[in-house]
Amino acid sequence: MSKQPLQTNEAPSAIGPYSQAIQTGNFVYTSGQIGLDPETGEMVDGLENQAHQVMKNVKAVLAAAGCEMNDVVKSMIFMQNMDDFVKVNDIYASYFQEPYPARSAVEVSRMPKGALVEVEVIAVR
C-alpha cells in the first residue's frame, strides 16, 4: 500500500523529519499539532489560545487531505498538565459533532517548543 505525504501552508511546517500528515488508502494520519501560528511560526500564548490553535492546525491539515473534523475516528491529546483537562476538553469538543471520535488523553512532561497541548488524529475519507 502506498503512502502519500500531505502538506499545507495553513498549518505550521514540520519542525523535524516528518510529514504534517500521511494518507494511505482511505486513512489520513496527522502528526501531532501544537499551538504554533502558521503565519509566524511562533507559539501562541496561554493554554486556551494554544488549544484553539492546535485544533485549527489539525483542521487545516485535514482539509489538505480533503477531510473534515467529522471524518476523524480517533484522536490523541497530550497535555503538559492533566489539571488542564476540563479546559482542553471543552475547546476540543467545540470542534466536533456527535458521534465524537474515540480518544485518548494523557499527561506528558514536555513537548516541542514548550507546548502545553498537542493533538494528533486519524481520519477516514
PDB file of N, CA and C in Angstrom:
ATOM      1  N   MET A   1       0.857  -1.179   0.000  1.00  0.00           N
ATOM      2  CA  MET A   1       0.000   0.000   0.000  1.00  0.00           C
ATOM      3  C   MET A   1       0.897   1.234   0.000  1.00  0.00           C
ATOM      4  N   SER A   2       0.593   2.201  -0.846  1.00  0.00           N
ATOM      5  CA  SER A   2       1.412   3.407  -0.941  1.00  0.00           C
ATOM      6  C   SER A   2       1.010   4.416   0.127  1.00  0.00           C
ATOM      7  N   LYS A   3       1.942   5.297   0.433  1.00  0.00           N
ATOM      8  CA  LYS A   3       1.638   6.382   1.364  1.00  0.00           C
ATOM      9  C   LYS A   3       2.015   7.700   0.715  1.00  0.00           C
ATOM     10  N   GLN A   4       1.124   8.668   0.888  1.00  0.00           N
ATOM     11  CA  GLN A   4       1.291   9.973   0.260  1.00  0.00           C
ATOM     12  C   GLN A   4       1.420  11.029   1.351  1.00  0.00           C
ATOM     13  N   PRO A   5       2.519  11.792   1.362  1.00  0.00           N
ATOM     14  CA  PRO A   5       2.641  12.877   2.343  1.00  0.00           C
ATOM     15  C   PRO A   5       1.710  14.031   1.971  1.00  0.00           C
ATOM     16  N   LEU A   6       1.191  14.694   2.977  1.00  0.00           N
ATOM     17  CA  LEU A   6       0.307  15.843   2.770  1.00  0.00           C
ATOM     18  C   LEU A   6       0.953  17.071   3.399  1.00  0.00           C
ATOM     19  N   GLN A   7       0.767  18.219   2.761  1.00  0.00           N
ATOM     20  CA  GLN A   7       1.385  19.460   3.217  1.00  0.00           C
ATOM     21  C   GLN A   7       0.438  20.614   2.953  1.00  0.00           C
ATOM     22  N   THR A   8       0.338  21.526   3.906  1.00  0.00           N
ATOM     23  CA  THR A   8      -0.415  22.763   3.712  1.00  0.00           C
ATOM     24  C   THR A   8       0.308  23.907   4.405  1.00  0.00           C
ATOM     25  N   ASN A   9       0.221  25.081   3.820  1.00  0.00           N
ATOM     26  CA  ASN A   9       0.775  26.286   4.454  1.00  0.00           C
ATOM     27  C   ASN A   9      -0.194  26.850   5.488  1.00  0.00           C
ATOM     28  N   GLU A  10      -1.384  26.271   5.591  1.00  0.00           N
ATOM     29  CA  GLU A  10      -2.391  26.724   6.546  1.00  0.00           C
ATOM     30  C   GLU A  10      -2.134  26.177   7.951  1.00  0.00           C
ATOM     31  N   ALA A  11      -1.142  25.308   8.079  1.00  0.00           N
ATOM     32  CA  ALA A  11      -0.715  24.764   9.371  1.00  0.00           C
ATOM     33  C   ALA A  11       0.799  24.922   9.431  1.00  0.00           C
ATOM     34  N   PRO A  12       1.369  24.876  10.639  1.00  0.00           N
ATOM     35  CA  PRO A  12       2.820  25.046  10.755  1.00  0.00           C
ATOM     36  C   PRO A  12       3.583  23.980   9.976  1.00  0.00           C
ATOM     37  N   SER A  13       4.687  24.383   9.397  1.00  0.00           N
ATOM     38  CA  SER A  13       5.568  23.437   8.711  1.00  0.00           C
ATOM     39  C   SER A  13       6.161  22.476   9.735  1.00  0.00           C
ATOM     40  N   ALA A  14       6.514  21.304   9.274  1.00  0.00           N
ATOM     41  CA  ALA A  14       7.156  20.320  10.149  1.00  0.00           C
ATOM     42  C   ALA A  14       8.470  20.900  10.683  1.00  0.00           C
ATOM     43  N   ILE A  15       8.737  20.665  11.963  1.00  0.00           N
ATOM     44  CA  ILE A  15       9.977  21.155  12.572  1.00  0.00           C
ATOM     45  C   ILE A  15      10.945  20.002  12.801  1.00  0.00           C
ATOM     46  N   GLY A  16      10.817  18.985  11.986  1.00  0.00           N
ATOM     47  CA  GLY A  16      11.683  17.819  12.082  1.00  0.00           C
ATOM     48  C   GLY A  16      11.470  16.939  10.869  1.00  0.00           C
ATOM     49  N   PRO A  17      12.050  15.748  10.889  1.00  0.00           N
ATOM     50  CA  PRO A  17      11.931  14.841   9.748  1.00  0.00           C
ATOM     51  C   PRO A  17      10.620  14.053   9.766  1.00  0.00           C
ATOM     52  N   TYR A  18       9.522  14.747   9.516  1.00  0.00           N
ATOM     53  CA  TYR A  18       8.213  14.103   9.480  1.00  0.00           C
ATOM     54  C   TYR A  18       7.292  14.889   8.562  1.00  0.00           C
ATOM     55  N   SER A  19       6.191  14.294   8.194  1.00  0.00           N
ATOM     56  CA  SER A  19       5.179  14.930   7.352  1.00  0.00           C
ATOM     57  C   SER A  19       4.068  15.476   8.234  1.00  0.00           C
ATOM     58  N   GLN A  20       3.394  16.526   7.767  1.00  0.00           N
ATOM     59  CA  GLN A  20       2.231  17.022   8.502  1.00  0.00           C
ATOM     60  C   GLN A  20       1.184  15.928   8.618  1.00  0.00           C
ATOM     61  N   ALA A  21       1.059  15.137   7.564  1.00  0.00           N
ATOM     62  CA  ALA A  21       0.122  14.009   7.568  1.00  0.00           C
ATOM     63  C   ALA A  21       0.538  13.042   6.468  1.00  0.00           C
ATOM     64  N   ILE A  22       0.066  11.822   6.611  1.00  0.00           N
ATOM     65  CA  ILE A  22       0.273  10.783   5.610  1.00  0.00           C
ATOM     66  C   ILE A  22      -1.093  10.189   5.280  1.00  0.00           C
ATOM     67  N   GLN A  23      -1.339  10.050   3.994  1.00  0.00           N
ATOM     68  CA  GLN A  23      -2.553   9.358   3.561  1.00  0.00           C
ATOM     69  C   GLN A  23      -2.146   8.016   2.991  1.00  0.00           C
ATOM     70  N   THR A  24      -2.830   6.981   3.427  1.00  0.00           N
ATOM     71  CA  THR A  24      -2.650   5.653   2.862  1.00  0.00           C
ATOM     72  C   THR A  24      -4.034   5.035   2.743  1.00  0.00           C
ATOM     73  N   GLY A  25      -4.387   4.644   1.532  1.00  0.00           N
ATOM     74  CA  GLY A  25      -5.746   4.177   1.304  1.00  0.00           C
ATOM     75  C   GLY A  25      -6.720   5.286   1.655  1.00  0.00           C
ATOM     76  N   ASN A  26      -7.746   4.957   2.417  1.00  0.00           N
ATOM     77  CA  ASN A  26      -8.731   5.948   2.842  1.00  0.00           C
ATOM     78  C   ASN A  26      -8.393   6.582   4.184  1.00  0.00           C
ATOM     79  N   PHE A  27      -7.264   6.204   4.768  1.00  0.00           N
ATOM     80  CA  PHE A  27      -6.893   6.715   6.084  1.00  0.00           C
ATOM     81  C   PHE A  27      -5.932   7.893   5.981  1.00  0.00           C
ATOM     82  N   VAL A  28      -6.130   8.868   6.861  1.00  0.00           N
ATOM     83  CA  VAL A  28      -5.234  10.021   6.990  1.00  0.00           C
ATOM     84  C   VAL A  28      -4.746  10.045   8.434  1.00  0.00           C
ATOM     85  N   TYR A  29      -3.428  10.036   8.595  1.00  0.00           N
ATOM     86  CA  TYR A  29      -2.781  10.071   9.908  1.00  0.00           C
ATOM     87  C   TYR A  29      -2.053  11.395  10.034  1.00  0.00           C
ATOM     88  N   THR A  30      -2.465  12.231  10.973  1.00  0.00           N
ATOM     89  CA  THR A  30      -1.774  13.504  11.138  1.00  0.00           C
ATOM     90  C   THR A  30      -0.664  13.359  12.166  1.00  0.00           C
ATOM     91  N   SER A  31       0.366  14.176  11.989  1.00  0.00           N
ATOM     92  CA  SER A  31       1.364  14.321  13.032  1.00  0.00           C
ATOM     93  C   SER A  31       0.752  15.184  14.130  1.00  0.00           C
ATOM     94  N   GLY A  32       1.341  15.133  15.294  1.00  0.00           N
ATOM     95  CA  GLY A  32       0.859  15.969  16.391  1.00  0.00           C
ATOM     96  C   GLY A  32       0.958  17.441  16.030  1.00  0.00           C
ATOM     97  N   GLN A  33      -0.087  18.162  16.331  1.00  0.00           N
ATOM     98  CA  GLN A  33      -0.121  19.604  16.094  1.00  0.00           C
ATOM     99  C   GLN A  33      -0.047  20.322  17.435  1.00  0.00           C
ATOM    100  N   ILE A  34       0.807  21.336  17.489  1.00  0.00           N
ATOM    101  CA  ILE A  34       0.919  22.162  18.689  1.00  0.00           C
ATOM    102  C   ILE A  34       0.438  23.565  18.342  1.00  0.00           C
ATOM    103  N   GLY A  35       0.441  24.449  19.302  1.00  0.00           N
ATOM    104  CA  GLY A  35      -0.140  25.776  19.141  1.00  0.00           C
ATOM    105  C   GLY A  35       0.721  26.787  18.433  1.00  0.00           C
ATOM    106  N   LEU A  36       1.369  26.381  17.349  1.00  0.00           N
ATOM    107  CA  LEU A  36       2.155  27.314  16.555  1.00  0.00           C
ATOM    108  C   LEU A  36       1.263  28.035  15.565  1.00  0.00           C
ATOM    109  N   ASP A  37       1.441  29.341  15.479  1.00  0.00           N
ATOM    110  CA  ASP A  37       0.755  30.131  14.471  1.00  0.00           C
ATOM    111  C   ASP A  37       1.444  29.859  13.136  1.00  0.00           C
ATOM    112  N   PRO A  38       0.717  29.375  12.121  1.00  0.00           N
ATOM    113  CA  PRO A  38       1.372  29.025  10.862  1.00  0.00           C
ATOM    114  C   PRO A  38       1.968  30.227  10.122  1.00  0.00           C
ATOM    115  N   GLU A  39       1.468  31.423  10.395  1.00  0.00           N
ATOM    116  CA  GLU A  39       1.991  32.613   9.712  1.00  0.00           C
ATOM    117  C   GLU A  39       3.308  33.075  10.310  1.00  0.00           C
ATOM    118  N   THR A  40       3.437  32.979  11.639  1.00  0.00           N
ATOM    119  CA  THR A  40       4.633  33.494  12.300  1.00  0.00           C
ATOM    120  C   THR A  40       5.602  32.398  12.728  1.00  0.00           C
ATOM    121  N   GLY A  41       5.103  31.176  12.861  1.00  0.00           N
ATOM    122  CA  GLY A  41       5.936  30.093  13.371  1.00  0.00           C
ATOM    123  C   GLY A  41       6.161  30.172  14.863  1.00  0.00           C
ATOM    124  N   GLU A  42       5.472  31.088  15.524  1.00  0.00           N
ATOM    125  CA  GLU A  42       5.619  31.288  16.962  1.00  0.00           C
ATOM    126  C   GLU A  42       4.467  30.630  17.724  1.00  0.00           C
ATOM    127  N   MET A  43       4.757  30.194  18.947  1.00  0.00           N
ATOM    128  CA  MET A  43       3.752  29.619  19.821  1.00  0.00           C
ATOM    129  C   MET A  43       2.812  30.723  20.298  1.00  0.00           C
ATOM    130  N   VAL A  44       1.508  30.472  20.228  1.00  0.00           N
ATOM    131  CA  VAL A  44       0.552  31.433  20.764  1.00  0.00           C
ATOM    132  C   VAL A  44       0.591  31.347  22.293  1.00  0.00           C
ATOM    133  N   ASP A  45       0.150  32.402  22.943  1.00  0.00           N
ATOM    134  CA  ASP A  45       0.235  32.482  24.404  1.00  0.00           C
ATOM    135  C   ASP A  45      -0.955  31.831  25.085  1.00  0.00           C
ATOM    136  N   GLY A  46      -0.693  31.134  26.172  1.00  0.00           N
ATOM    137  CA  GLY A  46      -1.733  30.631  27.050  1.00  0.00           C
ATOM    138  C   GLY A  46      -2.354  29.326  26.603  1.00  0.00           C
ATOM    139  N   LEU A  47      -2.821  28.579  27.575  1.00  0.00           N
ATOM    140  CA  LEU A  47      -3.400  27.262  27.326  1.00  0.00           C
ATOM    141  C   LEU A  47      -4.589  27.320  26.370  1.00  0.00           C
ATOM    142  N   GLU A  48      -5.550  28.181  26.645  1.00  0.00           N
ATOM    143  CA  GLU A  48      -6.758  28.207  25.818  1.00  0.00           C
ATOM    144  C   GLU A  48      -6.448  28.621  24.385  1.00  0.00           C
ATOM    145  N   ASN A  49      -5.596  29.622  24.201  1.00  0.00           N
ATOM    146  CA  ASN A  49      -5.210  30.027  22.850  1.00  0.00           C
ATOM    147  C   ASN A  49      -4.464  28.907  22.141  1.00  0.00           C
ATOM    148  N   GLN A  50      -3.587  28.204  22.874  1.00  0.00           N
ATOM    149  CA  GLN A  50      -2.869  27.089  22.277  1.00  0.00           C
ATOM    150  C   GLN A  50      -3.843  25.978  21.870  1.00  0.00           C
ATOM    151  N   ALA A  51      -4.799  25.669  22.733  1.00  0.00           N
ATOM    152  CA  ALA A  51      -5.749  24.594  22.422  1.00  0.00           C
ATOM    153  C   ALA A  51      -6.555  24.931  21.158  1.00  0.00           C
ATOM    154  N   HIS A  52      -6.995  26.171  21.034  1.00  0.00           N
ATOM    155  CA  HIS A  52      -7.723  26.573  19.829  1.00  0.00           C
ATOM    156  C   HIS A  52      -6.817  26.510  18.605  1.00  0.00           C
ATOM    157  N   GLN A  53      -5.576  26.986  18.730  1.00  0.00           N
ATOM    158  CA  GLN A  53      -4.661  26.967  17.593  1.00  0.00           C
ATOM    159  C   GLN A  53      -4.348  25.543  17.160  1.00  0.00           C
ATOM    160  N   VAL A  54      -4.176  24.658  18.136  1.00  0.00           N
ATOM    161  CA  VAL A  54      -3.950  23.244  17.837  1.00  0.00           C
ATOM    162  C   VAL A  54      -5.087  22.702  16.976  1.00  0.00           C
ATOM    163  N   MET A  55      -6.305  22.952  17.386  1.00  0.00           N
ATOM    164  CA  MET A  55      -7.459  22.418  16.656  1.00  0.00           C
ATOM    165  C   MET A  55      -7.580  23.060  15.269  1.00  0.00           C
ATOM    166  N   LYS A  56      -7.265  24.343  15.155  1.00  0.00           N
ATOM    167  CA  LYS A  56      -7.262  24.992  13.831  1.00  0.00           C
ATOM    168  C   LYS A  56      -6.201  24.359  12.937  1.00  0.00           C
ATOM    169  N   ASN A  57      -5.039  24.042  13.520  1.00  0.00           N
ATOM    170  CA  ASN A  57      -3.973  23.416  12.742  1.00  0.00           C
ATOM    171  C   ASN A  57      -4.383  22.013  12.290  1.00  0.00           C
ATOM    172  N   VAL A  58      -4.999  21.255  13.194  1.00  0.00           N
ATOM    173  CA  VAL A  58      -5.493  19.918  12.831  1.00  0.00           C
ATOM    174  C   VAL A  58      -6.501  20.043  11.691  1.00  0.00           C
ATOM    175  N   LYS A  59      -7.421  20.970  11.823  1.00  0.00           N
ATOM    176  CA  LYS A  59      -8.462  21.175  10.807  1.00  0.00           C
ATOM    177  C   LYS A  59      -7.836  21.517   9.451  1.00  0.00           C
ATOM    178  N   ALA A  60      -6.794  22.344   9.456  1.00  0.00           N
ATOM    179  CA  ALA A  60      -6.127  22.732   8.208  1.00  0.00           C
ATOM    180  C   ALA A  60      -5.422  21.549   7.556  1.00  0.00           C
ATOM    181  N   VAL A  61      -4.765  20.733   8.353  1.00  0.00           N
ATOM    182  CA  VAL A  61      -4.082  19.548   7.805  1.00  0.00           C
ATOM    183  C   VAL A  61      -5.107  18.579   7.223  1.00  0.00           C
ATOM    184  N   LEU A  62      -6.205  18.385   7.931  1.00  0.00           N
ATOM    185  CA  LEU A  62      -7.257  17.512   7.414  1.00  0.00           C
ATOM    186  C   LEU A  62      -7.836  18.047   6.107  1.00  0.00           C
ATOM    187  N   ALA A  63      -8.023  19.355   6.025  1.00  0.00           N
ATOM    188  CA  ALA A  63      -8.565  19.958   4.806  1.00  0.00           C
ATOM    189  C   ALA A  63      -7.639  19.697   3.620  1.00  0.00           C
ATOM    190  N   ALA A  64      -6.335  19.694   3.858  1.00  0.00           N
ATOM    191  CA  ALA A  64      -5.377  19.407   2.784  1.00  0.00           C
ATOM    192  C   ALA A  64      -5.549  17.987   2.261  1.00  0.00           C
ATOM    193  N   ALA A  65      -6.128  17.127   3.094  1.00  0.00           N
ATOM    194  CA  ALA A  65      -6.389  15.736   2.706  1.00  0.00           C
ATOM    195  C   ALA A  65      -7.801  15.548   2.173  1.00  0.00           C
ATOM    196  N   GLY A  66      -8.562  16.641   2.094  1.00  0.00           N
ATOM    197  CA  GLY A  66      -9.947  16.529   1.645  1.00  0.00           C
ATOM    198  C   GLY A  66     -10.862  16.004   2.735  1.00  0.00           C
ATOM    199  N   CYS A  67     -10.450  16.168   3.990  1.00  0.00           N
ATOM    200  CA  CYS A  67     -11.237  15.681   5.130  1.00  0.00           C
ATOM    201  C   CYS A  67     -11.763  16.847   5.966  1.00  0.00           C
ATOM    202  N   GLU A  68     -12.750  16.523   6.774  1.00  0.00           N
ATOM    203  CA  GLU A  68     -13.305  17.460   7.742  1.00  0.00           C
ATOM    204  C   GLU A  68     -13.132  16.875   9.133  1.00  0.00           C
ATOM    205  N   MET A  69     -13.403  17.682  10.137  1.00  0.00           N
ATOM    206  CA  MET A  69     -13.240  17.222  11.515  1.00  0.00           C
ATOM    207  C   MET A  69     -14.121  16.003  11.804  1.00  0.00           C
ATOM    208  N   ASN A  70     -15.295  15.954  11.197  1.00  0.00           N
ATOM    209  CA  ASN A  70     -16.180  14.819  11.468  1.00  0.00           C
ATOM    210  C   ASN A  70     -15.758  13.533  10.765  1.00  0.00           C
ATOM    211  N   ASP A  71     -14.676  13.588   9.988  1.00  0.00           N
ATOM    212  CA  ASP A  71     -14.087  12.378   9.417  1.00  0.00           C
ATOM    213  C   ASP A  71     -13.104  11.724  10.395  1.00  0.00           C
ATOM    214  N   VAL A  72     -12.815  12.399  11.493  1.00  0.00           N
ATOM    215  CA  VAL A  72     -11.865  11.877  12.485  1.00  0.00           C
ATOM    216  C   VAL A  72     -12.510  10.717  13.237  1.00  0.00           C
ATOM    217  N   VAL A  73     -11.783   9.598  13.296  1.00  0.00           N
ATOM    218  CA  VAL A  73     -12.275   8.421  14.009  1.00  0.00           C
ATOM    219  C   VAL A  73     -11.513   8.174  15.314  1.00  0.00           C
ATOM    220  N   LYS A  74     -10.321   8.749  15.433  1.00  0.00           N
ATOM    221  CA  LYS A  74      -9.502   8.563  16.636  1.00  0.00           C
ATOM    222  C   LYS A  74      -8.652   9.801  16.839  1.00  0.00           C
ATOM    223  N   SER A  75      -8.548  10.247  18.077  1.00  0.00           N
ATOM    224  CA  SER A  75      -7.675  11.372  18.393  1.00  0.00           C
ATOM    225  C   SER A  75      -6.886  11.070  19.655  1.00  0.00           C
ATOM    226  N   MET A  76      -5.751  11.710  19.743  1.00  0.00           N
ATOM    227  CA  MET A  76      -4.892  11.594  20.910  1.00  0.00           C
ATOM    228  C   MET A  76      -4.545  13.004  21.374  1.00  0.00           C
ATOM    229  N   ILE A  77      -4.803  13.269  22.650  1.00  0.00           N
ATOM    230  CA  ILE A  77      -4.498  14.572  23.230  1.00  0.00           C
ATOM    231  C   ILE A  77      -3.380  14.383  24.237  1.00  0.00           C
ATOM    232  N   PHE A  78      -2.363  15.222  24.118  1.00  0.00           N
ATOM    233  CA  PHE A  78      -1.247  15.227  25.062  1.00  0.00           C
ATOM    234  C   PHE A  78      -1.252  16.574  25.761  1.00  0.00           C
ATOM    235  N   MET A  79      -1.223  16.561  27.087  1.00  0.00           N
ATOM    236  CA  MET A  79      -1.228  17.795  27.874  1.00  0.00           C
ATOM    237  C   MET A  79      -0.048  17.805  28.820  1.00  0.00           C
ATOM    238  N   GLN A  80       0.491  18.981  29.039  1.00  0.00           N
ATOM    239  CA  GLN A  80       1.583  19.099  30.000  1.00  0.00           C
ATOM    240  C   GLN A  80       1.071  18.934  31.424  1.00  0.00           C
ATOM    241  N   ASN A  81      -0.196  19.268  31.644  1.00  0.00           N
ATOM    242  CA  ASN A  81      -0.756  19.191  32.988  1.00  0.00           C
ATOM    243  C   ASN A  81      -2.201  18.678  32.895  1.00  0.00           C
ATOM    244  N   MET A  82      -2.459  17.524  33.471  1.00  0.00           N
ATOM    245  CA  MET A  82      -3.800  16.934  33.415  1.00  0.00           C
ATOM    246  C   MET A  82      -4.837  17.798  34.136  1.00  0.00           C
ATOM    247  N   ASP A  83      -4.390  18.724  34.974  1.00  0.00           N
ATOM    248  CA  ASP A  83      -5.332  19.660  35.599  1.00  0.00           C
ATOM    249  C   ASP A  83      -5.992  20.561  34.551  1.00  0.00           C
ATOM    250  N   ASP A  84      -5.423  20.632  33.368  1.00  0.00           N
ATOM    251  CA  ASP A  84      -5.985  21.437  32.282  1.00  0.00           C
ATOM    252  C   ASP A  84      -7.023  20.677  31.472  1.00  0.00           C
ATOM    253  N   PHE A  85      -7.321  19.446  31.859  1.00  0.00           N
ATOM    254  CA  PHE A  85      -8.197  18.579  31.067  1.00  0.00           C
ATOM    255  C   PHE A  85      -9.550  19.218  30.771  1.00  0.00           C
ATOM    256  N   VAL A  86     -10.208  19.787  31.760  1.00  0.00           N
ATOM    257  CA  VAL A  86     -11.561  20.329  31.556  1.00  0.00           C
ATOM    258  C   VAL A  86     -11.531  21.441  30.511  1.00  0.00           C
ATOM    259  N   LYS A  87     -10.582  22.359  30.617  1.00  0.00           N
ATOM    260  CA  LYS A  87     -10.496  23.453  29.640  1.00  0.00           C
ATOM    261  C   LYS A  87     -10.202  22.920  28.245  1.00  0.00           C
ATOM    262  N   VAL A  88      -9.219  22.033  28.146  1.00  0.00           N
ATOM    263  CA  VAL A  88      -8.856  21.476  26.843  1.00  0.00           C
ATOM    264  C   VAL A  88     -10.013  20.669  26.270  1.00  0.00           C
ATOM    265  N   ASN A  89     -10.676  19.898  27.106  1.00  0.00           N
ATOM    266  CA  ASN A  89     -11.803  19.079  26.667  1.00  0.00           C
ATOM    267  C   ASN A  89     -12.932  19.946  26.107  1.00  0.00           C
ATOM    268  N   ASP A  90     -13.237  21.047  26.770  1.00  0.00           N
ATOM    269  CA  ASP A  90     -14.301  21.935  26.298  1.00  0.00           C
ATOM    270  C   ASP A  90     -13.959  22.531  24.935  1.00  0.00           C
ATOM    271  N   ILE A  91     -12.710  22.955  24.770  1.00  0.00           N
ATOM    272  CA  ILE A  91     -12.286  23.528  23.494  1.00  0.00           C
ATOM    273  C   ILE A  91     -12.298  22.455  22.415  1.00  0.00           C
ATOM    274  N   TYR A  92     -11.733  21.305  22.717  1.00  0.00           N
ATOM    275  CA  TYR A  92     -11.712  20.173  21.792  1.00  0.00           C
ATOM    276  C   TYR A  92     -13.136  19.846  21.319  1.00  0.00           C
ATOM    277  N   ALA A  93     -14.065  19.734  22.258  1.00  0.00           N
ATOM    278  CA  ALA A  93     -15.445  19.362  21.936  1.00  0.00           C
ATOM    279  C   ALA A  93     -16.104  20.350  20.985  1.00  0.00           C
ATOM    280  N   SER A  94     -15.710  21.618  21.051  1.00  0.00           N
ATOM    281  CA  SER A  94     -16.334  22.637  20.204  1.00  0.00           C
ATOM    282  C   SER A  94     -15.985  22.475  18.720  1.00  0.00           C
ATOM    283  N   TYR A  95     -15.020  21.636  18.405  1.00  0.00           N
ATOM    284  CA  TYR A  95     -14.609  21.413  17.018  1.00  0.00           C
ATOM    285  C   TYR A  95     -15.219  20.160  16.402  1.00  0.00           C
ATOM    286  N   PHE A  96     -16.023  19.417  17.175  1.00  0.00           N
ATOM    287  CA  PHE A  96     -16.604  18.170  16.699  1.00  0.00           C
ATOM    288  C   PHE A  96     -18.110  18.159  16.912  1.00  0.00           C
ATOM    289  N   GLN A  97     -18.759  17.257  16.195  1.00  0.00           N
ATOM    290  CA  GLN A  97     -20.167  16.948  16.410  1.00  0.00           C
ATOM    291  C   GLN A  97     -20.266  15.460  16.715  1.00  0.00           C
ATOM    292  N   GLU A  98     -21.357  15.056  17.335  1.00  0.00           N
ATOM    293  CA  GLU A  98     -21.564  13.633  17.601  1.00  0.00           C
ATOM    294  C   GLU A  98     -21.787  12.889  16.287  1.00  0.00           C
ATOM    295  N   PRO A  99     -21.365  11.682  16.156  1.00  0.00           N
ATOM    296  CA  PRO A  99     -20.641  10.903  17.156  1.00  0.00           C
ATOM    297  C   PRO A  99     -19.185  11.353  17.236  1.00  0.00           C
ATOM    298  N   TYR A 100     -18.707  11.555  18.449  1.00  0.00           N
ATOM    299  CA  TYR A 100     -17.338  12.005  18.665  1.00  0.00           C
ATOM    300  C   TYR A 100     -16.355  10.884  18.361  1.00  0.00           C
ATOM    301  N   PRO A 101     -15.127  11.250  17.985  1.00  0.00           N
ATOM    302  CA  PRO A 101     -14.121  10.211  17.731  1.00  0.00           C
ATOM    303  C   PRO A 101     -13.739   9.479  19.023  1.00  0.00           C
ATOM    304  N   ALA A 102     -13.211   8.281  18.868  1.00  0.00           N
ATOM    305  CA  ALA A 102     -12.561   7.628  20.004  1.00  0.00           C
ATOM    306  C   ALA A 102     -11.367   8.506  20.376  1.00  0.00           C
ATOM    307  N   ARG A 103     -10.949   8.469  21.654  1.00  0.00           N
ATOM    308  CA  ARG A 103      -9.910   9.413  22.072  1.00  0.00           C
ATOM    309  C   ARG A 103      -9.113   8.889  23.239  1.00  0.00           C
ATOM    310  N   SER A 104      -7.857   9.296  23.275  1.00  0.00           N
ATOM    311  CA  SER A 104      -7.002   9.119  24.444  1.00  0.00           C
ATOM    312  C   SER A 104      -6.566  10.505  24.890  1.00  0.00           C
ATOM    313  N   ALA A 105      -6.342  10.687  26.181  1.00  0.00           N
ATOM    314  CA  ALA A 105      -5.819  11.945  26.709  1.00  0.00           C
ATOM    315  C   ALA A 105      -4.811  11.596  27.792  1.00  0.00           C
ATOM    316  N   VAL A 106      -3.589  12.080  27.619  1.00  0.00           N
ATOM    317  CA  VAL A 106      -2.533  11.748  28.571  1.00  0.00           C
ATOM    318  C   VAL A 106      -1.728  12.984  28.951  1.00  0.00           C
ATOM    319  N   GLU A 107      -1.140  12.917  30.137  1.00  0.00           N
ATOM    320  CA  GLU A 107      -0.227  13.963  30.592  1.00  0.00           C
ATOM    321  C   GLU A 107       1.190  13.554  30.219  1.00  0.00           C
ATOM    322  N   VAL A 108       1.937  14.508  29.698  1.00  0.00           N
ATOM    323  CA  VAL A 108       3.336  14.279  29.346  1.00  0.00           C
ATOM    324  C   VAL A 108       4.192  15.363  29.994  1.00  0.00           C
ATOM    325  N   SER A 109       5.456  15.069  30.189  1.00  0.00           N
ATOM    326  CA  SER A 109       6.301  16.023  30.903  1.00  0.00           C
ATOM    327  C   SER A 109       6.748  17.196  30.038  1.00  0.00           C
ATOM    328  N   ARG A 110       7.042  16.959  28.759  1.00  0.00           N
ATOM    329  CA  ARG A 110       7.494  18.048  27.886  1.00  0.00           C
ATOM    330  C   ARG A 110       7.069  17.786  26.457  1.00  0.00           C
ATOM    331  N   MET A 111       6.871  18.900  25.737  1.00  0.00           N
ATOM    332  CA  MET A 111       6.547  18.825  24.319  1.00  0.00           C
ATOM    333  C   MET A 111       7.400  19.847  23.576  1.00  0.00           C
ATOM    334  N   PRO A 112       7.491  19.722  22.250  1.00  0.00           N
ATOM    335  CA  PRO A 112       8.305  20.666  21.477  1.00  0.00           C
ATOM    336  C   PRO A 112       7.886  22.113  21.710  1.00  0.00           C
ATOM    337  N   LYS A 113       8.884  22.976  21.743  1.00  0.00           N
ATOM    338  CA  LYS A 113       8.675  24.428  21.844  1.00  0.00           C
ATOM    339  C   LYS A 113       7.915  24.839  23.095  1.00  0.00           C
ATOM    340  N   GLY A 114       7.907  23.994  24.120  1.00  0.00           N
ATOM    341  CA  GLY A 114       7.216  24.336  25.362  1.00  0.00           C
ATOM    342  C   GLY A 114       5.703  24.286  25.253  1.00  0.00           C
ATOM    343  N   ALA A 115       5.183  23.559  24.283  1.00  0.00           N
ATOM    344  CA  ALA A 115       3.732  23.467  24.083  1.00  0.00           C
ATOM    345  C   ALA A 115       3.050  22.933  25.338  1.00  0.00           C
ATOM    346  N   LEU A 116       1.837  23.400  25.568  1.00  0.00           N
ATOM    347  CA  LEU A 116       1.031  22.944  26.697  1.00  0.00           C
ATOM    348  C   LEU A 116       0.067  21.844  26.294  1.00  0.00           C
ATOM    349  N   VAL A 117      -0.231  21.759  24.996  1.00  0.00           N
ATOM    350  CA  VAL A 117      -1.173  20.751  24.482  1.00  0.00           C
ATOM    351  C   VAL A 117      -0.776  20.392  23.044  1.00  0.00           C
ATOM    352  N   GLU A 118      -0.993  19.135  22.693  1.00  0.00           N
ATOM    353  CA  GLU A 118      -0.722  18.637  21.347  1.00  0.00           C
ATOM    354  C   GLU A 118      -1.819  17.636  20.997  1.00  0.00           C
ATOM    355  N   VAL A 119      -2.244  17.637  19.741  1.00  0.00           N
ATOM    356  CA  VAL A 119      -3.297  16.717  19.298  1.00  0.00           C
ATOM    357  C   VAL A 119      -2.882  16.103  17.966  1.00  0.00           C
ATOM    358  N   GLU A 120      -3.073  14.791  17.848  1.00  0.00           N
ATOM    359  CA  GLU A 120      -2.935  14.100  16.572  1.00  0.00           C
ATOM    360  C   GLU A 120      -4.203  13.306  16.340  1.00  0.00           C
ATOM    361  N   VAL A 121      -4.529  13.099  15.059  1.00  0.00           N
ATOM    362  CA  VAL A 121      -5.780  12.406  14.739  1.00  0.00           C
ATOM    363  C   VAL A 121      -5.592  11.413  13.611  1.00  0.00           C
ATOM    364  N   ILE A 122      -6.554  10.505  13.513  1.00  0.00           N
ATOM    365  CA  ILE A 122      -6.676   9.592  12.391  1.00  0.00           C
ATOM    366  C   ILE A 122      -8.072   9.834  11.805  1.00  0.00           C
ATOM    367  N   ALA A 123      -8.121  10.048  10.501  1.00  0.00           N
ATOM    368  CA  ALA A 123      -9.388  10.294   9.827  1.00  0.00           C
ATOM    369  C   ALA A 123      -9.573   9.286   8.701  1.00  0.00           C
ATOM    370  N   VAL A 124     -10.827   9.077   8.313  1.00  0.00           N
ATOM    371  CA  VAL A 124     -11.159   8.207   7.196  1.00  0.00           C
ATOM    372  C   VAL A 124     -11.891   9.038   6.149  1.00  0.00           C
ATOM    373  N   ARG A 125     -11.372   8.992   4.932  1.00  0.00           N
ATOM    374  CA  ARG A 125     -12.006   9.738   3.831  1.00  0.00           C
ATOM    375  C   ARG A 125     -13.194   8.982   3.291  1.00  0.00           C
TER     376      ARG A 125
END
